[in-house]
Amino acid sequence: MAIFPHGDEWQLSSGDVRAHVVEVGGGLRSLTIGDLDVVADYPPDVMAPSGRGQVLVPWPNRIRDGRYDFGGERHELPLTERETGNAIHGLVRWESFRPTERDPDRVVLVHTLHPHPGYPFALEVRITWQVDARGLTCSTRLTNLGADTAPVGYGAHPYLALGGTPAPRARLTVPAERVVLVDGQRQLPTGTRDVTGTPFDLRGGDPLGERTIDNAYTDLARGADGCWTVTLDTDAGAVGLWGGPGLDWVQVFTGRADPAQLPAGQPAGIAVEPLSCPPDAFNSGEGLVSLPPGGTWSAQWGIEVPRGR
């Protein structure tokens, strides 16, 4: 019997909010609220393309040359982005997660990350996906199962759907004061600067225009609840992606926003990725969590659609 490339799938529903969460990578395949496709999904008979909805553990984004020093030792990871010579997006994207709790509106998925070449550490990755009348919440807890302190980073890779709106006309609001600059060839960080007076300033919610962005933002303005919110406003409606404490960066990637460059059945979207650390944190140490044996790290993010529009 043939199986889906993403393995098993669990549908979550609460009122008019529906999501599909998958076994492979423990990721998010689709999210609809009412008649609105909130994320740019992918068909069930293909592998998750372009990182859509995937979980990025134990690091998000890129590690330069796949090399880093930690605990007094040099570690070398397989290079999973050959065109740049980097290790990208962690080790669990294509691994199976098992459900440990299940309700109509909720599923808890767990994966044990055993030591790998270049990452000789063991983690339990526990992800709770839940929907309610507001939208979707993703809660993640990482636990160090090994005997040594482990370097840990986290990210998620949802694409917010453009809903047929041309990307240049979409309005993206990112409440961040600083942006991580990258080189043009390997997409590795070269420094961080104030967004004021640059094309990276997205605080005003202006149309994207011809801007092409694949950068991490930080110094995010948070509300009274301790969360920041990135908002995408299109002809179909507004969508907000929020991040809680522990998620101090957000990556914005507009490189999958042109329908002409996408295979049939894959709607255009803009990736808005909550991150615990910026690119190459295993080398810079910025935002990197050193998780002691038995220690845990946790954070939440979610997606909501303002009601009454």
Protein backbone atom coordinates (compact mmCIF):
# COMPACT_ATOMS: atom_id res chain seq x y z
CA MET A 1 0.00 0.00 0.00
CA ALA A 2 1.38 3.39 -0.98
CA ILE A 3 1.98 5.94 1.75
CA PHE A 4 2.01 9.72 1.61
CA PRO A 5 5.49 11.26 1.44
CA HIS A 6 4.72 13.06 4.68
CA GLY A 7 3.57 9.85 6.44
CA ASP A 8 0.49 10.00 8.61
CA GLU A 9 -1.56 13.17 8.87
CA TRP A 10 -3.78 14.52 11.64
CA GLN A 11 -6.61 16.96 11.04
CA LEU A 12 -7.31 19.41 13.83
CA SER A 13 -10.53 21.40 13.96
CA SER A 14 -12.32 23.88 16.20
CA GLY A 15 -15.30 25.72 14.75
CA ASP A 16 -14.25 27.03 11.35
CA VAL A 17 -10.51 26.61 12.06
CA ARG A 18 -8.89 23.55 10.47
CA ALA A 19 -5.27 22.42 10.27
CA HIS A 20 -3.37 19.41 8.93
CA VAL A 21 -0.23 18.33 10.79
CA VAL A 22 2.09 15.64 9.42
CA GLU A 23 4.26 12.82 10.74
CA VAL A 24 7.40 13.59 8.71
CA GLY A 25 9.13 16.50 10.39
CA GLY A 26 6.16 17.06 12.71
CA GLY A 27 5.21 20.02 10.55
CA LEU A 28 2.18 22.01 9.43
CA ARG A 29 0.81 21.20 5.97
CA SER A 30 -2.28 23.43 5.88
CA LEU A 31 -4.33 25.91 7.90
CA THR A 32 -7.69 27.38 6.97
CA ILE A 33 -9.87 29.77 8.94
CA GLY A 34 -13.34 30.01 7.50
CA ASP A 35 -12.89 30.23 3.74
CA LEU A 36 -9.38 31.67 4.00
CA ASP A 37 -6.29 29.58 3.25
CA VAL A 38 -4.01 31.04 5.89
CA VAL A 39 -0.78 29.26 4.95
CA ALA A 40 0.58 28.38 1.53
CA ASP A 41 0.13 24.63 1.74
CA TYR A 42 1.29 21.76 -0.44
CA PRO A 43 -0.51 18.71 -1.89
CA PRO A 44 -0.54 15.52 0.20
CA ASP A 45 1.14 13.49 -2.54
CA VAL A 46 4.41 15.48 -2.61
CA MET A 47 7.30 16.00 -0.20
CA ALA A 48 7.21 19.27 1.72
CA PRO A 49 8.76 21.76 -0.75
CA SER A 50 10.93 24.72 0.22
CA GLY A 51 10.69 23.92 3.92
CA ARG A 52 6.94 24.58 3.97
CA GLY A 53 5.64 24.19 7.51
CA GLN A 54 8.72 22.33 8.72
CA VAL A 55 10.29 22.30 12.19
CA LEU A 56 13.94 23.42 12.37
CA VAL A 57 15.80 21.69 15.21
CA PRO A 58 18.49 21.74 16.60
CA TRP A 59 19.30 24.83 14.55
CA PRO A 60 17.43 27.06 12.10
CA ASN A 61 18.87 28.54 8.94
CA ARG A 62 22.56 27.99 8.07
CA ILE A 63 25.79 26.92 9.76
CA ARG A 64 28.86 28.12 7.88
CA ASP A 65 30.68 25.19 6.23
CA GLY A 66 28.78 22.88 8.61
CA ARG A 67 31.50 23.51 11.22
CA TYR A 68 31.32 24.83 14.75
CA ASP A 69 33.18 24.57 18.06
CA PHE A 70 31.34 23.62 21.23
CA GLY A 71 32.50 22.23 24.56
CA GLY A 72 36.12 22.51 23.49
CA GLU A 73 35.63 20.30 20.43
CA ARG A 74 35.32 20.93 16.69
CA HIS A 75 32.18 19.45 15.11
CA GLU A 76 31.54 18.95 11.39
CA LEU A 77 28.01 18.43 10.05
CA PRO A 78 27.02 17.06 6.64
CA LEU A 79 26.58 19.87 4.12
CA THR A 80 22.86 19.84 3.29
CA GLU A 81 22.87 22.97 1.12
CA ARG A 82 25.49 22.12 -1.45
CA GLU A 83 25.17 25.27 -3.53
CA THR A 84 26.34 27.36 -0.54
CA GLY A 85 28.44 24.79 1.29
CA ASN A 86 26.38 25.12 4.46
CA ALA A 87 24.41 22.90 6.82
CA ILE A 88 20.83 24.14 6.80
CA HIS A 89 17.70 23.85 8.96
CA GLY A 90 18.65 21.17 11.45
CA LEU A 91 18.21 17.41 11.60
CA VAL A 92 14.51 16.59 12.04
CA ARG A 93 12.90 17.85 8.81
CA TRP A 94 12.61 14.34 7.34
CA GLU A 95 12.32 12.34 10.55
CA SER A 96 9.15 10.67 11.88
CA PHE A 97 7.28 12.11 14.85
CA ARG A 98 4.92 9.93 16.87
CA PRO A 99 1.62 11.12 18.37
CA THR A 100 1.45 10.75 22.16
CA GLU A 101 -1.77 12.69 22.82
CA ARG A 102 -4.70 13.31 20.50
CA ASP A 103 -7.91 15.35 20.72
CA PRO A 104 -10.11 16.75 17.94
CA ASP A 105 -8.41 20.14 18.27
CA ARG A 106 -4.96 19.06 19.44
CA VAL A 107 -2.11 16.65 18.81
CA VAL A 108 1.18 16.19 20.63
CA LEU A 109 4.05 14.90 18.47
CA VAL A 110 7.36 13.62 19.85
CA HIS A 111 10.66 12.74 18.20
CA THR A 112 13.84 11.48 19.85
CA LEU A 113 16.85 13.02 18.15
CA HIS A 114 19.71 10.59 18.64
CA PRO A 115 23.35 11.69 18.23
CA HIS A 116 24.31 12.41 14.63
CA PRO A 117 27.65 12.94 12.90
CA GLY A 118 28.56 16.51 13.78
CA TYR A 119 25.87 16.70 16.48
CA PRO A 120 26.75 14.12 19.17
CA PHE A 121 23.86 15.14 21.44
CA ALA A 122 20.43 13.67 22.22
CA LEU A 123 17.21 15.67 22.42
CA GLU A 124 13.52 15.00 22.87
CA VAL A 125 11.54 17.27 20.57
CA ARG A 126 7.95 17.66 21.77
CA ILE A 127 5.53 19.73 19.68
CA THR A 128 1.94 20.49 20.59
CA TRP A 129 -0.26 21.75 17.76
CA GLN A 130 -3.64 23.15 18.81
CA VAL A 131 -6.43 25.11 17.14
CA ASP A 132 -9.18 27.18 18.70
CA ALA A 133 -11.50 30.01 17.73
CA ARG A 134 -8.52 32.40 17.38
CA GLY A 135 -6.37 30.23 15.12
CA LEU A 136 -3.37 27.96 15.63
CA THR A 137 -0.84 27.66 18.46
CA CYS A 138 2.41 25.70 18.27
CA SER A 139 4.11 24.90 21.61
CA THR A 140 7.58 23.34 21.51
CA ARG A 141 9.64 21.82 24.30
CA LEU A 142 13.20 20.58 23.81
CA THR A 143 14.77 18.34 26.47
CA ASN A 144 18.41 17.31 26.65
CA LEU A 145 18.42 13.51 27.02
CA GLY A 146 22.20 13.19 26.94
CA ALA A 147 25.03 13.39 29.44
CA ASP A 148 26.62 16.53 27.97
CA THR A 149 25.48 20.11 27.56
CA ALA A 150 24.03 20.56 24.06
CA PRO A 151 23.87 23.57 21.74
CA VAL A 152 20.25 24.18 20.79
CA GLY A 153 18.38 26.45 18.42
CA TYR A 154 14.80 26.35 17.16
CA GLY A 155 12.82 27.65 14.23
CA ALA A 156 9.63 26.99 12.29
CA HIS A 157 9.04 27.56 8.58
CA PRO A 158 5.40 28.43 7.79
CA TYR A 159 4.55 30.33 4.61
CA LEU A 160 1.71 32.82 4.99
CA ALA A 161 -0.56 32.63 1.94
CA LEU A 162 -0.80 35.56 -0.44
CA GLY A 163 -4.33 34.54 -1.47
CA GLY A 164 -3.81 35.49 -5.08
CA THR A 165 -2.48 38.97 -4.27
CA PRO A 166 0.70 39.83 -6.21
CA ALA A 167 3.58 39.98 -3.75
CA PRO A 168 4.54 43.59 -4.60
CA ARG A 169 1.04 44.69 -3.55
CA ALA A 170 0.98 42.74 -0.29
CA ARG A 171 1.60 44.70 2.90
CA LEU A 172 3.92 43.10 5.42
CA THR A 173 4.41 44.63 8.85
CA VAL A 174 7.47 43.49 10.84
CA PRO A 175 7.82 45.38 14.16
CA ALA A 176 11.61 45.07 14.27
CA GLU A 177 14.30 47.70 14.73
CA ARG A 178 17.26 45.67 13.51
CA VAL A 179 17.98 43.28 10.64
CA VAL A 180 20.70 40.68 10.07
CA LEU A 181 22.54 41.44 6.83
CA VAL A 182 23.83 38.53 4.73
CA ASP A 183 26.24 38.11 1.85
CA GLY A 184 24.80 37.66 -1.61
CA GLN A 185 26.24 34.23 -2.37
CA ARG A 186 26.07 32.05 0.72
CA GLN A 187 23.32 33.83 2.68
CA LEU A 188 25.57 33.99 5.74
CA PRO A 189 25.43 36.87 8.22
CA THR A 190 27.78 39.82 7.79
CA GLY A 191 26.43 42.03 10.57
CA THR A 192 23.33 43.56 12.12
CA ARG A 193 22.07 47.09 11.52
CA ASP A 194 19.21 49.46 12.27
CA VAL A 195 16.45 49.18 9.66
CA THR A 196 15.77 52.92 9.62
CA GLY A 197 16.21 54.36 6.14
CA THR A 198 16.76 50.95 4.50
CA PRO A 199 14.57 48.74 2.30
CA PHE A 200 14.42 46.33 5.25
CA ASP A 201 12.25 48.72 7.28
CA LEU A 202 8.84 47.01 7.33
CA ARG A 203 7.46 48.70 10.43
CA GLY A 204 5.01 50.87 8.52
CA GLY A 205 3.07 48.14 6.74
CA ASP A 206 3.78 49.53 3.27
CA PRO A 207 3.45 47.34 0.16
CA LEU A 208 6.47 45.12 -0.41
CA GLY A 209 7.02 46.53 -3.88
CA GLU A 210 10.13 45.14 -5.52
CA ARG A 211 11.91 44.28 -2.27
CA THR A 212 13.44 40.81 -2.09
CA ILE A 213 14.08 39.71 1.47
CA ASP A 214 15.71 36.66 3.04
CA ASN A 215 16.82 38.10 6.36
CA ALA A 216 16.33 37.67 10.08
CA TYR A 217 14.92 40.55 12.12
CA THR A 218 15.39 41.24 15.83
CA ASP A 219 14.73 43.87 18.52
CA LEU A 220 11.05 43.09 18.01
CA ALA A 221 8.41 45.26 19.64
CA ARG A 222 6.26 43.17 21.96
CA GLY A 223 2.80 43.77 23.31
CA ALA A 224 1.58 43.59 26.89
CA ASP A 225 1.33 39.80 26.51
CA GLY A 226 5.05 39.57 25.77
CA CYS A 227 4.50 38.63 22.13
CA TRP A 228 5.48 40.25 18.84
CA THR A 229 3.26 39.99 15.75
CA VAL A 230 4.12 40.06 12.05
CA THR A 231 1.10 40.90 9.90
CA LEU A 232 0.52 40.08 6.22
CA ASP A 233 -2.33 42.06 4.65
CA THR A 234 -3.63 40.94 1.25
CA ASP A 235 -6.78 41.33 -0.81
CA ALA A 236 -8.07 38.15 0.86
CA GLY A 237 -7.59 39.46 4.40
CA ALA A 238 -5.06 39.98 7.17
CA VAL A 239 -3.07 37.24 8.91
CA GLY A 240 -0.93 37.68 12.00
CA LEU A 241 1.91 35.41 13.09
CA TRP A 242 2.99 35.94 16.69
CA GLY A 243 5.98 34.77 18.69
CA GLY A 244 6.34 34.52 22.46
CA PRO A 245 9.29 34.75 24.88
CA GLY A 246 12.35 32.85 23.75
CA LEU A 247 11.72 33.67 20.09
CA ASP A 248 13.75 36.85 19.65
CA TRP A 249 14.23 36.69 15.87
CA VAL A 250 11.95 36.25 12.89
CA GLN A 251 13.12 35.35 9.38
CA VAL A 252 11.26 36.83 6.41
CA PHE A 253 11.70 35.08 3.06
CA THR A 254 9.94 36.39 -0.03
CA GLY A 255 11.60 33.98 -2.44
CA ARG A 256 8.56 31.74 -2.97
CA ALA A 257 6.14 34.57 -3.67
CA ASP A 258 6.01 34.41 -7.48
CA PRO A 259 3.38 31.91 -8.75
CA ALA A 260 5.17 31.68 -12.10
CA GLN A 261 8.16 30.06 -10.38
CA LEU A 262 6.16 27.45 -8.47
CA PRO A 263 4.94 24.00 -9.52
CA ALA A 264 1.23 23.51 -10.08
CA GLY A 265 -0.70 23.08 -6.85
CA GLN A 266 1.71 25.10 -4.73
CA PRO A 267 0.27 28.52 -3.89
CA ALA A 268 2.55 31.51 -3.46
CA GLY A 269 3.43 32.62 0.03
CA ILE A 270 5.85 34.57 2.17
CA ALA A 271 7.79 32.64 4.81
CA VAL A 272 7.58 34.19 8.26
CA GLU A 273 9.77 32.06 10.52
CA PRO A 274 9.87 32.46 14.33
CA LEU A 275 13.42 31.77 15.53
CA SER A 276 15.23 31.37 18.83
CA CYS A 277 18.52 32.43 17.23
CA PRO A 278 19.80 34.00 13.99
CA PRO A 279 21.68 32.28 11.16
CA ASP A 280 25.05 30.70 12.06
CA ALA A 281 24.35 30.97 15.79
CA PHE A 282 26.40 27.82 16.42
CA ASN A 283 29.44 29.92 15.49
CA SER A 284 28.47 33.39 16.70
CA GLY A 285 26.83 32.18 19.92
CA GLU A 286 24.13 34.81 19.48
CA GLY A 287 20.87 33.50 20.89
CA LEU A 288 22.32 30.00 21.21
CA VAL A 289 20.96 27.94 24.11
CA SER A 290 23.43 25.76 26.00
CA LEU A 291 21.07 23.11 27.37
CA PRO A 292 22.43 21.13 30.34
CA PRO A 293 21.71 17.42 30.79
CA GLY A 294 18.05 17.03 31.72
CA GLY A 295 17.40 20.69 30.95
CA THR A 296 14.47 21.95 28.90
CA TRP A 297 13.76 24.89 26.61
CA SER A 298 10.28 25.87 25.49
CA ALA A 299 8.50 28.53 23.44
CA GLN A 300 5.22 29.23 21.66
CA TRP A 301 4.15 30.87 18.43
CA GLY A 302 0.89 30.97 16.53
CA ILE A 303 -1.17 32.27 13.63
CA GLU A 304 -4.40 34.23 13.92
CA VAL A 305 -6.83 36.01 11.62
CA PRO A 306 -8.46 39.17 13.00
CA ARG A 307 -12.22 38.62 13.17
CA GLY A 308 -14.89 41.06 12.11
CA ARG A 309 -13.08 42.39 9.06
